[in-house]
Amino acid sequence: MTGWLLGGLLTGLYLILMNLFFKLHDNEAFSALRHQDHKNFLRLRITEEEITLYPIGIRKVPRRWKRSNNRHPGAPYFEPAAITDAHKAFLLEEPISISLRSR
């Protein structure tokens, strides 16, 4: 009955201890934190010939937002109040292409 709670606590404790003392499981430990900055995501471009993966990162997430003046359909309601270089997206590494054509 309490296995879900005990399992979650033990997993979290394991990740914290291993990361603090042995510098292991960085990816798993940081994915559970409520850290606003250093976000990463994948952008995919899919065609009939290939799939291209673009690993994109953002160093700092904007903290202040304002209402957007764009009122066309699909436009966001809010936009960052100010954009600095730290807020701009960048490629983490070169794009990765996977061919879908059989050789």
PDB file of N, CA and C in Angstrom:
ATOM      1  N   MET A   1       0.818  -1.200   0.000  1.00  0.00           N
ATOM      2  CA  MET A   1       0.000   0.000   0.000  1.00  0.00           C
ATOM      3  C   MET A   1       0.863   1.266   0.000  1.00  0.00           C
ATOM      4  N   THR A   2       1.984   1.248   0.681  1.00  0.00           N
ATOM      5  CA  THR A   2       2.852   2.418   0.734  1.00  0.00           C
ATOM      6  C   THR A   2       4.100   2.238  -0.118  1.00  0.00           C
ATOM      7  N   GLY A   3       4.092   1.228  -0.981  1.00  0.00           N
ATOM      8  CA  GLY A   3       5.243   0.954  -1.831  1.00  0.00           C
ATOM      9  C   GLY A   3       5.579   2.102  -2.757  1.00  0.00           C
ATOM     10  N   TRP A   4       4.569   2.783  -3.278  1.00  0.00           N
ATOM     11  CA  TRP A   4       4.813   3.900  -4.192  1.00  0.00           C
ATOM     12  C   TRP A   4       5.532   5.035  -3.469  1.00  0.00           C
ATOM     13  N   LEU A   5       5.161   5.282  -2.228  1.00  0.00           N
ATOM     14  CA  LEU A   5       5.801   6.347  -1.457  1.00  0.00           C
ATOM     15  C   LEU A   5       7.229   5.961  -1.070  1.00  0.00           C
ATOM     16  N   LEU A   6       7.396   4.768  -0.554  1.00  0.00           N
ATOM     17  CA  LEU A   6       8.711   4.295  -0.150  1.00  0.00           C
ATOM     18  C   LEU A   6       9.646   4.175  -1.361  1.00  0.00           C
ATOM     19  N   GLY A   7       9.131   3.674  -2.478  1.00  0.00           N
ATOM     20  CA  GLY A   7       9.941   3.551  -3.693  1.00  0.00           C
ATOM     21  C   GLY A   7      10.414   4.897  -4.207  1.00  0.00           C
ATOM     22  N   GLY A   8       9.524   5.876  -4.211  1.00  0.00           N
ATOM     23  CA  GLY A   8       9.889   7.224  -4.662  1.00  0.00           C
ATOM     24  C   GLY A   8      10.913   7.880  -3.753  1.00  0.00           C
ATOM     25  N   LEU A   9      10.721   7.728  -2.453  1.00  0.00           N
ATOM     26  CA  LEU A   9      11.670   8.312  -1.490  1.00  0.00           C
ATOM     27  C   LEU A   9      13.043   7.660  -1.585  1.00  0.00           C
ATOM     28  N   LEU A  10      13.076   6.344  -1.705  1.00  0.00           N
ATOM     29  CA  LEU A  10      14.360   5.646  -1.807  1.00  0.00           C
ATOM     30  C   LEU A  10      15.087   5.992  -3.104  1.00  0.00           C
ATOM     31  N   THR A  11      14.342   6.091  -4.193  1.00  0.00           N
ATOM     32  CA  THR A  11      14.960   6.471  -5.467  1.00  0.00           C
ATOM     33  C   THR A  11      15.525   7.882  -5.385  1.00  0.00           C
ATOM     34  N   GLY A  12      14.766   8.808  -4.831  1.00  0.00           N
ATOM     35  CA  GLY A  12      15.236  10.183  -4.680  1.00  0.00           C
ATOM     36  C   GLY A  12      16.449  10.271  -3.776  1.00  0.00           C
ATOM     37  N   LEU A  13      16.425   9.543  -2.678  1.00  0.00           N
ATOM     38  CA  LEU A  13      17.556   9.529  -1.756  1.00  0.00           C
ATOM     39  C   LEU A  13      18.803   8.957  -2.433  1.00  0.00           C
ATOM     40  N   TYR A  14      18.625   7.873  -3.166  1.00  0.00           N
ATOM     41  CA  TYR A  14      19.743   7.272  -3.908  1.00  0.00           C
ATOM     42  C   TYR A  14      20.341   8.279  -4.888  1.00  0.00           C
ATOM     43  N   LEU A  15      19.502   8.967  -5.666  1.00  0.00           N
ATOM     44  CA  LEU A  15      19.997   9.928  -6.656  1.00  0.00           C
ATOM     45  C   LEU A  15      20.733  11.087  -5.985  1.00  0.00           C
ATOM     46  N   ILE A  16      20.201  11.587  -4.890  1.00  0.00           N
ATOM     47  CA  ILE A  16      20.851  12.694  -4.188  1.00  0.00           C
ATOM     48  C   ILE A  16      22.221  12.265  -3.661  1.00  0.00           C
ATOM     49  N   LEU A  17      22.274  11.134  -2.985  1.00  0.00           N
ATOM     50  CA  LEU A  17      23.536  10.676  -2.396  1.00  0.00           C
ATOM     51  C   LEU A  17      24.584  10.350  -3.462  1.00  0.00           C
ATOM     52  N   MET A  18      24.190   9.652  -4.503  1.00  0.00           N
ATOM     53  CA  MET A  18      25.135   9.295  -5.559  1.00  0.00           C
ATOM     54  C   MET A  18      25.654  10.537  -6.278  1.00  0.00           C
ATOM     55  N   ASN A  19      24.793  11.536  -6.450  1.00  0.00           N
ATOM     56  CA  ASN A  19      25.219  12.746  -7.138  1.00  0.00           C
ATOM     57  C   ASN A  19      26.103  13.612  -6.244  1.00  0.00           C
ATOM     58  N   LEU A  20      25.773  13.721  -4.969  1.00  0.00           N
ATOM     59  CA  LEU A  20      26.569  14.541  -4.064  1.00  0.00           C
ATOM     60  C   LEU A  20      27.951  13.961  -3.787  1.00  0.00           C
ATOM     61  N   PHE A  21      28.015  12.669  -3.513  1.00  0.00           N
ATOM     62  CA  PHE A  21      29.265  12.070  -3.071  1.00  0.00           C
ATOM     63  C   PHE A  21      30.111  11.461  -4.185  1.00  0.00           C
ATOM     64  N   PHE A  22      29.462  10.927  -5.231  1.00  0.00           N
ATOM     65  CA  PHE A  22      30.213  10.228  -6.269  1.00  0.00           C
ATOM     66  C   PHE A  22      30.094  10.878  -7.653  1.00  0.00           C
ATOM     67  N   LYS A  23      29.336  11.969  -7.744  1.00  0.00           N
ATOM     68  CA  LYS A  23      29.142  12.694  -9.011  1.00  0.00           C
ATOM     69  C   LYS A  23      28.592  11.779 -10.114  1.00  0.00           C
ATOM     70  N   LEU A  24      27.679  10.908  -9.743  1.00  0.00           N
ATOM     71  CA  LEU A  24      27.035   9.992 -10.685  1.00  0.00           C
ATOM     72  C   LEU A  24      25.598  10.429 -10.928  1.00  0.00           C
ATOM     73  N   HIS A  25      25.024   9.994 -12.031  1.00  0.00           N
ATOM     74  CA  HIS A  25      23.612  10.185 -12.366  1.00  0.00           C
ATOM     75  C   HIS A  25      23.208  11.661 -12.450  1.00  0.00           C
ATOM     76  N   ASP A  26      24.063  12.480 -13.067  1.00  0.00           N
ATOM     77  CA  ASP A  26      23.733  13.905 -13.213  1.00  0.00           C
ATOM     78  C   ASP A  26      22.408  14.106 -13.931  1.00  0.00           C
ATOM     79  N   ASN A  27      22.232  13.432 -15.052  1.00  0.00           N
ATOM     80  CA  ASN A  27      21.032  13.619 -15.861  1.00  0.00           C
ATOM     81  C   ASN A  27      19.773  13.250 -15.084  1.00  0.00           C
ATOM     82  N   GLU A  28      19.790  12.119 -14.411  1.00  0.00           N
ATOM     83  CA  GLU A  28      18.621  11.670 -13.665  1.00  0.00           C
ATOM     84  C   GLU A  28      18.346  12.570 -12.459  1.00  0.00           C
ATOM     85  N   ALA A  29      19.397  12.994 -11.758  1.00  0.00           N
ATOM     86  CA  ALA A  29      19.214  13.827 -10.576  1.00  0.00           C
ATOM     87  C   ALA A  29      18.697  15.213 -10.950  1.00  0.00           C
ATOM     88  N   PHE A  30      19.251  15.810 -12.001  1.00  0.00           N
ATOM     89  CA  PHE A  30      18.848  17.165 -12.375  1.00  0.00           C
ATOM     90  C   PHE A  30      17.474  17.205 -13.033  1.00  0.00           C
ATOM     91  N   SER A  31      17.026  16.109 -13.612  1.00  0.00           N
ATOM     92  CA  SER A  31      15.715  16.123 -14.264  1.00  0.00           C
ATOM     93  C   SER A  31      14.592  16.284 -13.246  1.00  0.00           C
ATOM     94  N   ALA A  32      14.835  15.921 -12.002  1.00  0.00           N
ATOM     95  CA  ALA A  32      13.807  16.032 -10.966  1.00  0.00           C
ATOM     96  C   ALA A  32      13.837  17.365 -10.236  1.00  0.00           C
ATOM     97  N   LEU A  33      14.861  18.166 -10.457  1.00  0.00           N
ATOM     98  CA  LEU A  33      14.959  19.440  -9.755  1.00  0.00           C
ATOM     99  C   LEU A  33      14.070  20.504 -10.383  1.00  0.00           C
ATOM    100  N   ARG A  34      13.705  21.478  -9.591  1.00  0.00           N
ATOM    101  CA  ARG A  34      12.913  22.594 -10.081  1.00  0.00           C
ATOM    102  C   ARG A  34      13.828  23.744 -10.449  1.00  0.00           C
ATOM    103  N   HIS A  35      14.825  23.476 -11.248  1.00  0.00           N
ATOM    104  CA  HIS A  35      15.796  24.479 -11.667  1.00  0.00           C
ATOM    105  C   HIS A  35      15.285  25.128 -12.948  1.00  0.00           C
ATOM    106  N   GLN A  36      15.119  26.437 -12.952  1.00  0.00           N
ATOM    107  CA  GLN A  36      14.507  27.114 -14.091  1.00  0.00           C
ATOM    108  C   GLN A  36      15.422  27.215 -15.299  1.00  0.00           C
ATOM    109  N   ASP A  37      16.698  27.358 -15.089  1.00  0.00           N
ATOM    110  CA  ASP A  37      17.598  27.640 -16.202  1.00  0.00           C
ATOM    111  C   ASP A  37      18.208  26.364 -16.784  1.00  0.00           C
ATOM    112  N   HIS A  38      18.987  26.562 -17.848  1.00  0.00           N
ATOM    113  CA  HIS A  38      19.668  25.466 -18.544  1.00  0.00           C
ATOM    114  C   HIS A  38      18.688  24.416 -19.048  1.00  0.00           C
ATOM    115  N   LYS A  39      17.725  24.850 -19.848  1.00  0.00           N
ATOM    116  CA  LYS A  39      16.745  23.940 -20.429  1.00  0.00           C
ATOM    117  C   LYS A  39      17.237  23.482 -21.800  1.00  0.00           C
ATOM    118  N   ASN A  40      16.946  22.242 -22.145  1.00  0.00           N
ATOM    119  CA  ASN A  40      17.321  21.673 -23.427  1.00  0.00           C
ATOM    120  C   ASN A  40      16.120  20.946 -24.017  1.00  0.00           C
ATOM    121  N   PHE A  41      16.064  20.900 -25.330  1.00  0.00           N
ATOM    122  CA  PHE A  41      15.007  20.159 -25.999  1.00  0.00           C
ATOM    123  C   PHE A  41      15.479  19.768 -27.392  1.00  0.00           C
ATOM    124  N   LEU A  42      14.722  18.896 -28.041  1.00  0.00           N
ATOM    125  CA  LEU A  42      15.037  18.449 -29.392  1.00  0.00           C
ATOM    126  C   LEU A  42      14.034  19.033 -30.373  1.00  0.00           C
ATOM    127  N   ARG A  43      14.532  19.506 -31.472  1.00  0.00           N
ATOM    128  CA  ARG A  43      13.691  19.939 -32.591  1.00  0.00           C
ATOM    129  C   ARG A  43      13.880  18.880 -33.663  1.00  0.00           C
ATOM    130  N   LEU A  44      12.791  18.360 -34.194  1.00  0.00           N
ATOM    131  CA  LEU A  44      12.849  17.317 -35.209  1.00  0.00           C
ATOM    132  C   LEU A  44      12.391  17.864 -36.550  1.00  0.00           C
ATOM    133  N   ARG A  45      13.110  17.508 -37.588  1.00  0.00           N
ATOM    134  CA  ARG A  45      12.694  17.819 -38.957  1.00  0.00           C
ATOM    135  C   ARG A  45      12.543  16.485 -39.663  1.00  0.00           C
ATOM    136  N   ILE A  46      11.307  16.165 -40.043  1.00  0.00           N
ATOM    137  CA  ILE A  46      11.018  14.868 -40.632  1.00  0.00           C
ATOM    138  C   ILE A  46      10.609  15.052 -42.088  1.00  0.00           C
ATOM    139  N   THR A  47      11.327  14.400 -42.990  1.00  0.00           N
ATOM    140  CA  THR A  47      10.984  14.372 -44.411  1.00  0.00           C
ATOM    141  C   THR A  47      10.868  12.912 -44.827  1.00  0.00           C
ATOM    142  N   GLU A  48      10.544  12.676 -46.084  1.00  0.00           N
ATOM    143  CA  GLU A  48      10.451  11.298 -46.566  1.00  0.00           C
ATOM    144  C   GLU A  48      11.823  10.631 -46.622  1.00  0.00           C
ATOM    145  N   GLU A  49      12.875  11.421 -46.766  1.00  0.00           N
ATOM    146  CA  GLU A  49      14.223  10.875 -46.899  1.00  0.00           C
ATOM    147  C   GLU A  49      14.946  10.674 -45.573  1.00  0.00           C
ATOM    148  N   GLU A  50      14.702  11.586 -44.593  1.00  0.00           N
ATOM    149  CA  GLU A  50      15.474  11.510 -43.357  1.00  0.00           C
ATOM    150  C   GLU A  50      14.774  12.210 -42.199  1.00  0.00           C
ATOM    151  N   ILE A  51      15.273  11.904 -41.023  1.00  0.00           N
ATOM    152  CA  ILE A  51      14.880  12.614 -39.800  1.00  0.00           C
ATOM    153  C   ILE A  51      16.132  13.339 -39.318  1.00  0.00           C
ATOM    154  N   THR A  52      16.005  14.633 -39.054  1.00  0.00           N
ATOM    155  CA  THR A  52      17.132  15.408 -38.548  1.00  0.00           C
ATOM    156  C   THR A  52      16.795  15.883 -37.139  1.00  0.00           C
ATOM    157  N   LEU A  53      17.705  15.613 -36.204  1.00  0.00           N
ATOM    158  CA  LEU A  53      17.543  16.007 -34.810  1.00  0.00           C
ATOM    159  C   LEU A  53      18.413  17.225 -34.528  1.00  0.00           C
ATOM    160  N   TYR A  54      17.821  18.254 -33.966  1.00  0.00           N
ATOM    161  CA  TYR A  54      18.542  19.469 -33.588  1.00  0.00           C
ATOM    162  C   TYR A  54      18.502  19.594 -32.067  1.00  0.00           C
ATOM    163  N   PRO A  55      19.610  19.283 -31.357  1.00  0.00           N
ATOM    164  CA  PRO A  55      19.637  19.467 -29.901  1.00  0.00           C
ATOM    165  C   PRO A  55      19.845  20.952 -29.565  1.00  0.00           C
ATOM    166  N   ILE A  56      18.845  21.553 -28.946  1.00  0.00           N
ATOM    167  CA  ILE A  56      18.835  22.997 -28.696  1.00  0.00           C
ATOM    168  C   ILE A  56      18.853  23.255 -27.195  1.00  0.00           C
ATOM    169  N   GLY A  57      19.600  24.268 -26.776  1.00  0.00           N
ATOM    170  CA  GLY A  57      19.683  24.633 -25.371  1.00  0.00           C
ATOM    171  C   GLY A  57      19.383  26.102 -25.147  1.00  0.00           C
ATOM    172  N   ILE A  58      18.954  26.405 -23.937  1.00  0.00           N
ATOM    173  CA  ILE A  58      18.720  27.788 -23.504  1.00  0.00           C
ATOM    174  C   ILE A  58      19.398  27.935 -22.146  1.00  0.00           C
ATOM    175  N   ARG A  59      20.312  28.896 -22.025  1.00  0.00           N
ATOM    176  CA  ARG A  59      21.069  29.053 -20.778  1.00  0.00           C
ATOM    177  C   ARG A  59      20.228  29.654 -19.648  1.00  0.00           C
ATOM    178  N   LYS A  60      19.394  30.610 -19.980  1.00  0.00           N
ATOM    179  CA  LYS A  60      18.612  31.281 -18.947  1.00  0.00           C
ATOM    180  C   LYS A  60      17.197  31.534 -19.463  1.00  0.00           C
ATOM    181  N   VAL A  61      16.224  31.187 -18.656  1.00  0.00           N
ATOM    182  CA  VAL A  61      14.826  31.370 -19.017  1.00  0.00           C
ATOM    183  C   VAL A  61      14.387  32.765 -18.574  1.00  0.00           C
ATOM    184  N   PRO A  62      13.647  33.502 -19.405  1.00  0.00           N
ATOM    185  CA  PRO A  62      13.185  34.837 -18.989  1.00  0.00           C
ATOM    186  C   PRO A  62      12.329  34.767 -17.729  1.00  0.00           C
ATOM    187  N   ARG A  63      12.478  35.745 -16.869  1.00  0.00           N
ATOM    188  CA  ARG A  63      11.732  35.791 -15.606  1.00  0.00           C
ATOM    189  C   ARG A  63      10.497  36.703 -15.695  1.00  0.00           C
ATOM    190  N   ARG A  64      10.597  37.747 -16.492  1.00  0.00           N
ATOM    191  CA  ARG A  64       9.472  38.692 -16.627  1.00  0.00           C
ATOM    192  C   ARG A  64       8.818  38.537 -17.996  1.00  0.00           C
ATOM    193  N   TRP A  65       7.501  38.612 -17.984  1.00  0.00           N
ATOM    194  CA  TRP A  65       6.737  38.441 -19.217  1.00  0.00           C
ATOM    195  C   TRP A  65       5.770  39.609 -19.365  1.00  0.00           C
ATOM    196  N   LYS A  66       5.379  39.869 -20.608  1.00  0.00           N
ATOM    197  CA  LYS A  66       4.378  40.903 -20.882  1.00  0.00           C
ATOM    198  C   LYS A  66       3.395  40.356 -21.900  1.00  0.00           C
ATOM    199  N   ARG A  67       2.243  41.001 -21.964  1.00  0.00           N
ATOM    200  CA  ARG A  67       1.235  40.590 -22.938  1.00  0.00           C
ATOM    201  C   ARG A  67       1.727  40.887 -24.349  1.00  0.00           C
ATOM    202  N   SER A  68       1.515  39.938 -25.235  1.00  0.00           N
ATOM    203  CA  SER A  68       1.958  40.088 -26.618  1.00  0.00           C
ATOM    204  C   SER A  68       1.004  40.983 -27.397  1.00  0.00           C
ATOM    205  N   ASN A  69       1.557  41.745 -28.324  1.00  0.00           N
ATOM    206  CA  ASN A  69       0.718  42.587 -29.176  1.00  0.00           C
ATOM    207  C   ASN A  69       0.217  41.841 -30.398  1.00  0.00           C
ATOM    208  N   ASN A  70       0.754  40.658 -30.680  1.00  0.00           N
ATOM    209  CA  ASN A  70       0.297  39.849 -31.819  1.00  0.00           C
ATOM    210  C   ASN A  70      -1.035  39.216 -31.467  1.00  0.00           C
ATOM    211  N   ARG A  71      -2.047  39.545 -32.203  1.00  0.00           N
ATOM    212  CA  ARG A  71      -3.380  39.014 -31.924  1.00  0.00           C
ATOM    213  C   ARG A  71      -3.869  38.068 -33.002  1.00  0.00           C
ATOM    214  N   HIS A  72      -2.989  37.571 -33.867  1.00  0.00           N
ATOM    215  CA  HIS A  72      -3.445  36.644 -34.892  1.00  0.00           C
ATOM    216  C   HIS A  72      -3.532  35.229 -34.306  1.00  0.00           C
ATOM    217  N   PRO A  73      -4.334  34.359 -34.908  1.00  0.00           N
ATOM    218  CA  PRO A  73      -4.497  32.994 -34.377  1.00  0.00           C
ATOM    219  C   PRO A  73      -3.158  32.255 -34.319  1.00  0.00           C
ATOM    220  N   GLY A  74      -2.930  31.564 -33.231  1.00  0.00           N
ATOM    221  CA  GLY A  74      -1.700  30.808 -33.061  1.00  0.00           C
ATOM    222  C   GLY A  74      -0.573  31.590 -32.422  1.00  0.00           C
ATOM    223  N   ALA A  75      -0.730  32.886 -32.280  1.00  0.00           N
ATOM    224  CA  ALA A  75       0.314  33.712 -31.659  1.00  0.00           C
ATOM    225  C   ALA A  75       0.256  33.537 -30.142  1.00  0.00           C
ATOM    226  N   PRO A  76       1.384  33.609 -29.460  1.00  0.00           N
ATOM    227  CA  PRO A  76       1.369  33.467 -28.003  1.00  0.00           C
ATOM    228  C   PRO A  76       0.724  34.675 -27.332  1.00  0.00           C
ATOM    229  N   TYR A  77       0.138  34.458 -26.175  1.00  0.00           N
ATOM    230  CA  TYR A  77      -0.477  35.540 -25.406  1.00  0.00           C
ATOM    231  C   TYR A  77       0.572  36.380 -24.674  1.00  0.00           C
ATOM    232  N   PHE A  78       1.686  35.745 -24.306  1.00  0.00           N
ATOM    233  CA  PHE A  78       2.732  36.434 -23.566  1.00  0.00           C
ATOM    234  C   PHE A  78       4.066  36.288 -24.275  1.00  0.00           C
ATOM    235  N   GLU A  79       4.952  37.271 -24.059  1.00  0.00           N
ATOM    236  CA  GLU A  79       6.308  37.219 -24.602  1.00  0.00           C
ATOM    237  C   GLU A  79       7.259  37.771 -23.545  1.00  0.00           C
ATOM    238  N   PRO A  80       8.539  37.417 -23.636  1.00  0.00           N
ATOM    239  CA  PRO A  80       9.487  37.929 -22.637  1.00  0.00           C
ATOM    240  C   PRO A  80       9.552  39.445 -22.655  1.00  0.00           C
ATOM    241  N   ALA A  81       9.659  40.048 -21.473  1.00  0.00           N
ATOM    242  CA  ALA A  81       9.742  41.505 -21.374  1.00  0.00           C
ATOM    243  C   ALA A  81      11.070  42.006 -21.933  1.00  0.00           C
ATOM    244  N   ALA A  82      12.138  41.240 -21.768  1.00  0.00           N
ATOM    245  CA  ALA A  82      13.453  41.609 -22.300  1.00  0.00           C
ATOM    246  C   ALA A  82      14.187  40.336 -22.697  1.00  0.00           C
ATOM    247  N   ILE A  83      14.940  40.429 -23.783  1.00  0.00           N
ATOM    248  CA  ILE A  83      15.717  39.275 -24.257  1.00  0.00           C
ATOM    249  C   ILE A  83      17.198  39.632 -24.175  1.00  0.00           C
ATOM    250  N   THR A  84      17.972  38.782 -23.520  1.00  0.00           N
ATOM    251  CA  THR A  84      19.426  38.961 -23.479  1.00  0.00           C
ATOM    252  C   THR A  84      20.066  37.800 -24.240  1.00  0.00           C
ATOM    253  N   ASP A  85      21.375  37.824 -24.362  1.00  0.00           N
ATOM    254  CA  ASP A  85      22.069  36.726 -25.043  1.00  0.00           C
ATOM    255  C   ASP A  85      21.874  35.399 -24.315  1.00  0.00           C
ATOM    256  N   ALA A  86      21.739  35.438 -23.008  1.00  0.00           N
ATOM    257  CA  ALA A  86      21.539  34.211 -22.240  1.00  0.00           C
ATOM    258  C   ALA A  86      20.180  33.576 -22.515  1.00  0.00           C
ATOM    259  N   HIS A  87      19.214  34.366 -23.012  1.00  0.00           N
ATOM    260  CA  HIS A  87      17.880  33.853 -23.295  1.00  0.00           C
ATOM    261  C   HIS A  87      17.767  33.232 -24.683  1.00  0.00           C
ATOM    262  N   LYS A  88      18.753  33.449 -25.522  1.00  0.00           N
ATOM    263  CA  LYS A  88      18.661  32.980 -26.907  1.00  0.00           C
ATOM    264  C   LYS A  88      19.019  31.506 -27.015  1.00  0.00           C
ATOM    265  N   ALA A  89      18.304  30.813 -27.882  1.00  0.00           N
ATOM    266  CA  ALA A  89      18.543  29.384 -28.087  1.00  0.00           C
ATOM    267  C   ALA A  89      19.815  29.186 -28.905  1.00  0.00           C
ATOM    268  N   PHE A  90      20.491  28.059 -28.669  1.00  0.00           N
ATOM    269  CA  PHE A  90      21.711  27.722 -29.402  1.00  0.00           C
ATOM    270  C   PHE A  90      21.766  26.212 -29.605  1.00  0.00           C
ATOM    271  N   LEU A  91      22.525  25.774 -30.606  1.00  0.00           N
ATOM    272  CA  LEU A  91      22.700  24.355 -30.859  1.00  0.00           C
ATOM    273  C   LEU A  91      23.708  23.784 -29.862  1.00  0.00           C
ATOM    274  N   LEU A  92      23.338  22.712 -29.188  1.00  0.00           N
ATOM    275  CA  LEU A  92      24.239  22.054 -28.250  1.00  0.00           C
ATOM    276  C   LEU A  92      25.343  21.304 -28.983  1.00  0.00           C
ATOM    277  N   GLU A  93      25.016  20.753 -30.128  1.00  0.00           N
ATOM    278  CA  GLU A  93      25.981  20.072 -30.985  1.00  0.00           C
ATOM    279  C   GLU A  93      25.423  20.075 -32.403  1.00  0.00           C
ATOM    280  N   GLU A  94      26.190  19.567 -33.322  1.00  0.00           N
ATOM    281  CA  GLU A  94      25.753  19.555 -34.716  1.00  0.00           C
ATOM    282  C   GLU A  94      24.488  18.702 -34.874  1.00  0.00           C
ATOM    283  N   PRO A  95      23.608  19.060 -35.824  1.00  0.00           N
ATOM    284  CA  PRO A  95      22.410  18.248 -36.054  1.00  0.00           C
ATOM    285  C   PRO A  95      22.766  16.811 -36.442  1.00  0.00           C
ATOM    286  N   ILE A  96      21.905  15.896 -36.071  1.00  0.00           N
ATOM    287  CA  ILE A  96      22.095  14.474 -36.353  1.00  0.00           C
ATOM    288  C   ILE A  96      21.053  14.061 -37.381  1.00  0.00           C
ATOM    289  N   SER A  97      21.497  13.509 -38.504  1.00  0.00           N
ATOM    290  CA  SER A  97      20.582  13.064 -39.557  1.00  0.00           C
ATOM    291  C   SER A  97      20.519  11.550 -39.592  1.00  0.00           C
ATOM    292  N   ILE A  98      19.298  11.030 -39.699  1.00  0.00           N
ATOM    293  CA  ILE A  98      19.058   9.590 -39.793  1.00  0.00           C
ATOM    294  C   ILE A  98      18.344   9.337 -41.105  1.00  0.00           C
ATOM    295  N   SER A  99      18.959   8.581 -41.980  1.00  0.00           N
ATOM    296  CA  SER A  99      18.383   8.304 -43.287  1.00  0.00           C
ATOM    297  C   SER A  99      17.251   7.286 -43.147  1.00  0.00           C
ATOM    298  N   LEU A 100      16.154   7.523 -43.876  1.00  0.00           N
ATOM    299  CA  LEU A 100      15.027   6.610 -43.866  1.00  0.00           C
ATOM    300  C   LEU A 100      14.989   5.729 -45.113  1.00  0.00           C
ATOM    301  N   ARG A 101      15.848   5.995 -46.041  1.00  0.00           N
ATOM    302  CA  ARG A 101      15.919   5.213 -47.275  1.00  0.00           C
ATOM    303  C   ARG A 101      16.744   3.956 -47.034  1.00  0.00           C
ATOM    304  N   SER A 102      16.245   2.827 -47.515  1.00  0.00           N
ATOM    305  CA  SER A 102      17.046   1.601 -47.392  1.00  0.00           C
ATOM    306  C   SER A 102      18.173   1.621 -48.401  1.00  0.00           C
ATOM    307  N   ARG A 103      19.299   1.086 -48.022  1.00  0.00           N
ATOM    308  CA  ARG A 103      20.485   1.152 -48.884  1.00  0.00           C
ATOM    309  C   ARG A 103      20.623  -0.068 -49.721  1.00  0.00           C
TER     310      ARG A 103
END
